[in-house]
């Protein structure tokens, strides 16, 4: 099985990217190919990067509280580009009340502060494997 390709993005105006860098390193150390897009990315830039990089997963790090604005737009753009099979995960400050709404939008994994890195790695690995098995071979 080829390496899982993950685009890690820091959308919005939040300038704190330590968590995004930590998770990017953990995923890389777990054998995944990680593309970190940097700070202040728009949903359009994130989906464009995922398309260009043929990403299996998009990981969003959001601490600003803008998750209910950014996540729906990312999912919408993925649909417009025919990329509905890309797994979207979000980490950051997410109020409990928003978790079911994000799941309903198609956000596959939501990771709150304190989630062990190994849980994130295993979630992405397991879901990327399931995605690969469900996509017909060429």
N, C-alpha and C. Protein backbone atom coordinates (compact mmCIF):
# COMPACT_ATOMS: atom_id res chain seq x y z
N UNK A 1 0.86 -1.19 0.00
CA UNK A 1 0.00 0.00 0.00
C UNK A 1 0.89 1.24 0.00
N UNK A 2 0.60 2.21 -0.88
CA UNK A 2 1.41 3.43 -0.91
C UNK A 2 1.25 4.24 0.38
N UNK A 3 2.18 5.14 0.58
CA UNK A 3 2.13 6.00 1.76
C UNK A 3 0.87 6.86 1.75
N UNK A 4 0.34 7.05 2.94
CA UNK A 4 -0.81 7.95 3.10
C UNK A 4 -0.30 9.37 2.93
N UNK A 5 -1.01 10.15 2.11
CA UNK A 5 -0.63 11.54 1.86
C UNK A 5 -1.59 12.46 2.62
N UNK A 6 -1.02 13.29 3.50
CA UNK A 6 -1.81 14.15 4.37
C UNK A 6 -1.42 15.61 4.15
N UNK A 7 -2.40 16.44 3.87
CA UNK A 7 -2.20 17.88 3.83
C UNK A 7 -2.64 18.42 5.18
N UNK A 8 -1.71 19.08 5.88
CA UNK A 8 -2.01 19.73 7.16
C UNK A 8 -2.11 21.23 6.89
N UNK A 9 -3.21 21.82 7.33
CA UNK A 9 -3.43 23.23 7.05
C UNK A 9 -3.84 23.97 8.32
N UNK A 10 -3.47 25.21 8.36
CA UNK A 10 -3.80 26.12 9.46
C UNK A 10 -4.65 27.25 8.87
N UNK A 11 -5.99 27.02 8.80
CA UNK A 11 -6.84 28.02 8.15
C UNK A 11 -7.17 29.21 9.05
N UNK A 12 -7.61 30.26 8.42
CA UNK A 12 -8.07 31.43 9.15
C UNK A 12 -6.94 32.32 9.62
N UNK A 13 -7.25 33.18 10.56
CA UNK A 13 -6.32 34.21 11.00
C UNK A 13 -5.49 33.82 12.21
N UNK A 14 -5.76 32.66 12.77
CA UNK A 14 -5.00 32.18 13.93
C UNK A 14 -3.53 32.00 13.54
N UNK A 15 -2.64 32.61 14.27
CA UNK A 15 -1.22 32.55 13.94
C UNK A 15 -0.42 31.56 14.76
N UNK A 16 -1.10 30.71 15.53
CA UNK A 16 -0.40 29.75 16.39
C UNK A 16 -0.41 28.39 15.71
N UNK A 17 0.75 27.91 15.26
CA UNK A 17 0.77 26.66 14.51
C UNK A 17 1.60 25.55 15.16
N UNK A 18 1.90 25.68 16.43
CA UNK A 18 2.70 24.65 17.08
C UNK A 18 2.02 23.28 17.00
N UNK A 19 0.72 23.23 17.30
CA UNK A 19 -0.01 21.96 17.25
C UNK A 19 0.01 21.35 15.86
N UNK A 20 -0.17 22.18 14.84
CA UNK A 20 -0.14 21.69 13.46
C UNK A 20 1.24 21.11 13.13
N UNK A 21 2.28 21.76 13.58
CA UNK A 21 3.63 21.25 13.32
C UNK A 21 3.92 19.96 14.09
N UNK A 22 3.41 19.87 15.32
CA UNK A 22 3.61 18.66 16.12
C UNK A 22 2.91 17.47 15.47
N UNK A 23 1.66 17.67 15.04
CA UNK A 23 0.94 16.56 14.42
C UNK A 23 1.56 16.22 13.07
N UNK A 24 2.03 17.20 12.33
CA UNK A 24 2.68 16.91 11.05
C UNK A 24 3.92 16.03 11.27
N UNK A 25 4.68 16.32 12.29
CA UNK A 25 5.87 15.52 12.59
C UNK A 25 5.49 14.11 13.02
N UNK A 26 4.45 14.00 13.87
CA UNK A 26 4.01 12.68 14.34
C UNK A 26 3.54 11.81 13.17
N UNK A 27 2.81 12.40 12.25
CA UNK A 27 2.33 11.66 11.08
C UNK A 27 3.50 11.26 10.19
N UNK A 28 4.43 12.16 10.00
CA UNK A 28 5.62 11.85 9.19
C UNK A 28 6.42 10.73 9.84
N UNK A 29 6.60 10.81 11.16
CA UNK A 29 7.34 9.78 11.88
C UNK A 29 6.63 8.43 11.83
N UNK A 30 5.31 8.46 11.62
CA UNK A 30 4.53 7.22 11.50
C UNK A 30 4.55 6.68 10.07
N UNK A 31 5.31 7.33 9.18
CA UNK A 31 5.47 6.82 7.82
C UNK A 31 4.57 7.44 6.78
N UNK A 32 3.85 8.49 7.14
CA UNK A 32 2.98 9.15 6.19
C UNK A 32 3.73 10.27 5.48
N UNK A 33 3.26 10.60 4.31
CA UNK A 33 3.81 11.73 3.57
C UNK A 33 2.98 12.96 3.94
N UNK A 34 3.62 13.98 4.50
CA UNK A 34 2.90 15.13 5.03
C UNK A 34 3.30 16.40 4.29
N UNK A 35 2.29 17.14 3.89
CA UNK A 35 2.49 18.43 3.25
C UNK A 35 1.87 19.47 4.18
N UNK A 36 2.70 20.34 4.74
CA UNK A 36 2.21 21.39 5.63
C UNK A 36 2.08 22.68 4.82
N UNK A 37 0.87 23.23 4.76
CA UNK A 37 0.62 24.38 3.90
C UNK A 37 0.96 25.71 4.54
N UNK A 38 1.14 25.73 5.86
CA UNK A 38 1.49 26.98 6.53
C UNK A 38 0.28 27.70 7.10
N UNK A 39 0.54 28.89 7.61
CA UNK A 39 -0.46 29.70 8.29
C UNK A 39 -1.39 30.43 7.33
N UNK A 40 -2.55 30.78 7.87
CA UNK A 40 -3.52 31.68 7.24
C UNK A 40 -3.98 31.20 5.86
N UNK A 41 -4.31 29.93 5.78
CA UNK A 41 -4.78 29.36 4.53
C UNK A 41 -6.29 29.51 4.39
N UNK A 42 -6.75 29.78 3.19
CA UNK A 42 -8.18 29.83 2.92
C UNK A 42 -8.66 28.42 2.58
N UNK A 43 -9.95 28.15 2.70
CA UNK A 43 -10.46 26.85 2.27
C UNK A 43 -10.10 26.55 0.81
N UNK A 44 -10.14 27.56 -0.04
CA UNK A 44 -9.79 27.38 -1.45
C UNK A 44 -8.33 26.94 -1.60
N UNK A 45 -7.42 27.56 -0.85
CA UNK A 45 -6.01 27.18 -0.92
C UNK A 45 -5.79 25.76 -0.40
N UNK A 46 -6.52 25.39 0.64
CA UNK A 46 -6.36 24.07 1.24
C UNK A 46 -6.81 22.99 0.26
N UNK A 47 -7.98 23.17 -0.33
CA UNK A 47 -8.50 22.17 -1.27
C UNK A 47 -7.63 22.13 -2.52
N UNK A 48 -7.15 23.26 -2.97
CA UNK A 48 -6.23 23.29 -4.12
C UNK A 48 -4.96 22.48 -3.82
N UNK A 49 -4.41 22.66 -2.63
CA UNK A 49 -3.21 21.91 -2.25
C UNK A 49 -3.51 20.41 -2.20
N UNK A 50 -4.67 20.05 -1.65
CA UNK A 50 -5.04 18.64 -1.57
C UNK A 50 -5.18 18.03 -2.97
N UNK A 51 -5.75 18.80 -3.89
CA UNK A 51 -5.90 18.34 -5.27
C UNK A 51 -4.54 18.17 -5.93
N UNK A 52 -3.69 19.18 -5.80
CA UNK A 52 -2.35 19.13 -6.41
C UNK A 52 -1.50 18.01 -5.84
N UNK A 53 -1.65 17.74 -4.55
CA UNK A 53 -0.82 16.74 -3.87
C UNK A 53 -1.45 15.35 -3.86
N UNK A 54 -2.63 15.22 -4.46
CA UNK A 54 -3.35 13.94 -4.47
C UNK A 54 -3.47 13.40 -3.05
N UNK A 55 -3.95 14.24 -2.15
CA UNK A 55 -4.03 13.91 -0.73
C UNK A 55 -5.12 12.89 -0.44
N UNK A 56 -4.83 12.03 0.51
CA UNK A 56 -5.82 11.09 1.04
C UNK A 56 -6.58 11.74 2.20
N UNK A 57 -5.90 12.65 2.89
CA UNK A 57 -6.42 13.24 4.12
C UNK A 57 -6.10 14.73 4.14
N UNK A 58 -7.05 15.52 4.65
CA UNK A 58 -6.80 16.92 4.98
C UNK A 58 -6.95 17.04 6.49
N UNK A 59 -5.94 17.58 7.14
CA UNK A 59 -5.99 17.84 8.56
C UNK A 59 -6.02 19.33 8.81
N UNK A 60 -7.07 19.80 9.46
CA UNK A 60 -7.21 21.23 9.76
C UNK A 60 -6.94 21.47 11.24
N UNK A 61 -6.12 22.45 11.53
CA UNK A 61 -5.84 22.85 12.91
C UNK A 61 -6.49 24.21 13.13
N UNK A 62 -7.52 24.22 13.99
CA UNK A 62 -8.30 25.45 14.17
C UNK A 62 -8.43 25.75 15.66
N UNK A 63 -7.85 26.85 16.07
CA UNK A 63 -7.95 27.28 17.47
C UNK A 63 -8.80 28.54 17.61
N UNK A 64 -9.16 29.14 16.50
CA UNK A 64 -9.78 30.46 16.51
C UNK A 64 -11.29 30.46 16.75
N UNK A 65 -11.91 29.29 16.69
CA UNK A 65 -13.36 29.23 16.80
C UNK A 65 -14.07 29.36 15.47
N UNK A 66 -13.33 29.38 14.38
CA UNK A 66 -13.93 29.55 13.05
C UNK A 66 -14.27 28.22 12.38
N UNK A 67 -14.26 27.13 13.13
CA UNK A 67 -14.47 25.80 12.55
C UNK A 67 -15.83 25.65 11.85
N UNK A 68 -16.87 26.30 12.36
CA UNK A 68 -18.19 26.17 11.75
C UNK A 68 -18.34 27.03 10.49
N UNK A 69 -17.36 27.83 10.21
CA UNK A 69 -17.31 28.59 8.95
C UNK A 69 -16.38 27.89 7.96
N UNK A 70 -15.22 27.46 8.44
CA UNK A 70 -14.18 26.90 7.56
C UNK A 70 -14.51 25.48 7.12
N UNK A 71 -14.89 24.63 8.05
CA UNK A 71 -15.12 23.21 7.72
C UNK A 71 -16.21 23.01 6.66
N UNK A 72 -17.37 23.66 6.78
CA UNK A 72 -18.37 23.48 5.72
C UNK A 72 -17.86 23.90 4.35
N UNK A 73 -17.07 24.96 4.31
CA UNK A 73 -16.56 25.44 3.02
C UNK A 73 -15.56 24.44 2.43
N UNK A 74 -14.69 23.87 3.26
CA UNK A 74 -13.73 22.87 2.78
C UNK A 74 -14.49 21.67 2.22
N UNK A 75 -15.48 21.18 2.94
CA UNK A 75 -16.27 20.03 2.48
C UNK A 75 -16.99 20.36 1.18
N UNK A 76 -17.57 21.56 1.09
CA UNK A 76 -18.25 22.00 -0.13
C UNK A 76 -17.30 22.01 -1.32
N UNK A 77 -16.12 22.60 -1.13
CA UNK A 77 -15.14 22.67 -2.21
C UNK A 77 -14.65 21.29 -2.63
N UNK A 78 -14.46 20.39 -1.68
CA UNK A 78 -14.07 19.02 -2.02
C UNK A 78 -15.12 18.37 -2.92
N UNK A 79 -16.38 18.60 -2.58
CA UNK A 79 -17.46 18.07 -3.39
C UNK A 79 -17.45 18.64 -4.80
N UNK A 80 -17.23 19.94 -4.91
CA UNK A 80 -17.19 20.59 -6.22
C UNK A 80 -16.05 20.06 -7.09
N UNK A 81 -14.96 19.65 -6.44
CA UNK A 81 -13.79 19.15 -7.18
C UNK A 81 -13.84 17.63 -7.38
N UNK A 82 -14.93 16.99 -6.95
CA UNK A 82 -15.04 15.54 -7.09
C UNK A 82 -14.12 14.79 -6.15
N UNK A 83 -13.85 15.38 -5.00
CA UNK A 83 -12.90 14.80 -4.04
C UNK A 83 -13.61 14.39 -2.74
N UNK A 84 -14.81 13.88 -2.85
CA UNK A 84 -15.59 13.52 -1.66
C UNK A 84 -14.97 12.39 -0.85
N UNK A 85 -14.04 11.65 -1.47
CA UNK A 85 -13.40 10.53 -0.76
C UNK A 85 -12.22 10.97 0.09
N UNK A 86 -11.83 12.23 0.03
CA UNK A 86 -10.74 12.72 0.88
C UNK A 86 -11.24 12.81 2.32
N UNK A 87 -10.48 12.24 3.22
CA UNK A 87 -10.83 12.23 4.64
C UNK A 87 -10.47 13.59 5.23
N UNK A 88 -11.40 14.20 5.96
CA UNK A 88 -11.15 15.49 6.59
C UNK A 88 -11.19 15.30 8.10
N UNK A 89 -10.12 15.72 8.76
CA UNK A 89 -10.06 15.69 10.22
C UNK A 89 -9.76 17.10 10.71
N UNK A 90 -10.21 17.39 11.94
CA UNK A 90 -10.02 18.70 12.53
C UNK A 90 -9.48 18.53 13.94
N UNK A 91 -8.51 19.34 14.27
CA UNK A 91 -8.00 19.37 15.63
C UNK A 91 -8.04 20.80 16.13
N UNK A 92 -8.30 20.93 17.43
CA UNK A 92 -8.29 22.26 18.02
C UNK A 92 -9.37 22.43 19.05
N UNK A 93 -9.74 23.68 19.24
CA UNK A 93 -10.74 24.04 20.23
C UNK A 93 -12.11 23.92 19.57
N UNK A 94 -12.79 22.82 19.83
CA UNK A 94 -14.11 22.55 19.24
C UNK A 94 -15.09 22.31 20.39
N UNK A 95 -16.07 23.18 20.56
CA UNK A 95 -17.07 22.96 21.61
C UNK A 95 -17.85 21.66 21.36
N UNK A 96 -18.19 20.96 22.43
CA UNK A 96 -18.92 19.69 22.31
C UNK A 96 -20.18 19.82 21.48
N UNK A 97 -20.87 20.93 21.59
CA UNK A 97 -22.13 21.13 20.87
C UNK A 97 -21.91 21.13 19.35
N UNK A 98 -20.72 21.48 18.88
CA UNK A 98 -20.44 21.54 17.45
C UNK A 98 -20.01 20.20 16.86
N UNK A 99 -19.62 19.25 17.68
CA UNK A 99 -19.08 17.98 17.17
C UNK A 99 -20.11 17.23 16.32
N UNK A 100 -21.36 17.05 16.77
CA UNK A 100 -22.33 16.35 15.90
C UNK A 100 -22.58 17.09 14.59
N UNK A 101 -22.56 18.40 14.64
CA UNK A 101 -22.79 19.20 13.41
C UNK A 101 -21.64 19.01 12.43
N UNK A 102 -20.41 18.96 12.96
CA UNK A 102 -19.25 18.73 12.09
C UNK A 102 -19.28 17.32 11.51
N UNK A 103 -19.63 16.33 12.33
CA UNK A 103 -19.75 14.97 11.82
C UNK A 103 -20.79 14.89 10.71
N UNK A 104 -21.92 15.57 10.89
CA UNK A 104 -22.98 15.57 9.88
C UNK A 104 -22.52 16.20 8.57
N UNK A 105 -21.60 17.15 8.65
CA UNK A 105 -21.06 17.79 7.45
C UNK A 105 -20.14 16.86 6.67
N UNK A 106 -19.59 15.86 7.34
CA UNK A 106 -18.65 14.97 6.69
C UNK A 106 -17.24 15.06 7.24
N UNK A 107 -17.08 15.71 8.38
CA UNK A 107 -15.78 15.73 9.04
C UNK A 107 -15.60 14.36 9.69
N UNK A 108 -14.55 13.65 9.33
CA UNK A 108 -14.38 12.26 9.74
C UNK A 108 -13.84 12.09 11.15
N UNK A 109 -12.97 12.98 11.57
CA UNK A 109 -12.37 12.87 12.89
C UNK A 109 -12.22 14.24 13.52
N UNK A 110 -12.50 14.32 14.81
CA UNK A 110 -12.37 15.58 15.54
C UNK A 110 -11.52 15.29 16.77
N UNK A 111 -10.43 16.02 16.89
CA UNK A 111 -9.46 15.77 17.95
C UNK A 111 -9.31 17.02 18.80
N UNK A 112 -9.61 16.87 20.07
CA UNK A 112 -9.56 17.99 21.01
C UNK A 112 -8.20 18.04 21.69
N UNK A 113 -7.88 19.15 22.34
CA UNK A 113 -6.60 19.23 23.05
C UNK A 113 -6.47 18.07 24.03
N UNK A 114 -5.28 17.50 24.09
CA UNK A 114 -5.01 16.38 24.99
C UNK A 114 -5.17 15.02 24.34
N UNK A 115 -5.67 14.98 23.09
CA UNK A 115 -5.78 13.70 22.40
C UNK A 115 -4.38 13.15 22.18
N UNK A 116 -4.13 11.90 22.58
CA UNK A 116 -2.80 11.32 22.33
C UNK A 116 -2.47 11.26 20.84
N UNK A 117 -1.25 11.59 20.50
CA UNK A 117 -0.82 11.58 19.09
C UNK A 117 -1.08 10.22 18.45
N UNK A 118 -0.84 9.15 19.20
CA UNK A 118 -1.03 7.82 18.64
C UNK A 118 -2.47 7.58 18.23
N UNK A 119 -3.43 8.17 18.95
CA UNK A 119 -4.83 8.04 18.57
C UNK A 119 -5.09 8.70 17.21
N UNK A 120 -4.50 9.85 16.98
CA UNK A 120 -4.65 10.56 15.70
C UNK A 120 -4.01 9.74 14.59
N UNK A 121 -2.80 9.27 14.82
CA UNK A 121 -2.08 8.46 13.82
C UNK A 121 -2.90 7.22 13.46
N UNK A 122 -3.38 6.51 14.46
CA UNK A 122 -4.14 5.28 14.21
C UNK A 122 -5.45 5.56 13.50
N UNK A 123 -6.13 6.64 13.87
CA UNK A 123 -7.37 7.01 13.21
C UNK A 123 -7.13 7.26 11.72
N UNK A 124 -6.12 8.06 11.42
CA UNK A 124 -5.83 8.39 10.01
C UNK A 124 -5.41 7.13 9.27
N UNK A 125 -4.55 6.34 9.84
CA UNK A 125 -4.08 5.12 9.18
C UNK A 125 -5.27 4.18 8.88
N UNK A 126 -6.11 3.96 9.87
CA UNK A 126 -7.26 3.05 9.72
C UNK A 126 -8.24 3.58 8.66
N UNK A 127 -8.54 4.86 8.70
CA UNK A 127 -9.51 5.42 7.75
C UNK A 127 -8.94 5.55 6.35
N UNK A 128 -7.67 5.85 6.23
CA UNK A 128 -7.04 5.92 4.91
C UNK A 128 -6.99 4.53 4.28
N UNK A 129 -6.75 3.51 5.10
CA UNK A 129 -6.73 2.13 4.60
C UNK A 129 -8.13 1.75 4.09
N UNK A 130 -9.16 2.09 4.88
CA UNK A 130 -10.54 1.79 4.47
C UNK A 130 -10.89 2.53 3.19
N UNK A 131 -10.43 3.76 3.05
CA UNK A 131 -10.66 4.56 1.84
C UNK A 131 -10.01 3.89 0.64
N UNK A 132 -8.76 3.46 0.80
CA UNK A 132 -8.01 2.83 -0.29
C UNK A 132 -8.69 1.53 -0.73
N UNK A 133 -9.23 0.79 0.23
CA UNK A 133 -9.87 -0.49 -0.09
C UNK A 133 -11.21 -0.28 -0.80
N UNK A 134 -11.84 0.88 -0.58
CA UNK A 134 -13.15 1.13 -1.20
C UNK A 134 -13.06 1.78 -2.57
N UNK A 135 -11.87 2.29 -2.93
CA UNK A 135 -11.70 2.94 -4.23
C UNK A 135 -11.33 1.87 -5.25
N UNK A 136 -12.11 1.75 -6.35
CA UNK A 136 -11.81 0.73 -7.36
C UNK A 136 -10.42 0.93 -7.97
N UNK A 137 -9.75 -0.17 -8.26
CA UNK A 137 -8.44 -0.12 -8.92
C UNK A 137 -8.60 0.28 -10.36
N UNK A 138 -7.59 0.94 -10.91
CA UNK A 138 -7.64 1.36 -12.32
C UNK A 138 -7.24 0.23 -13.21
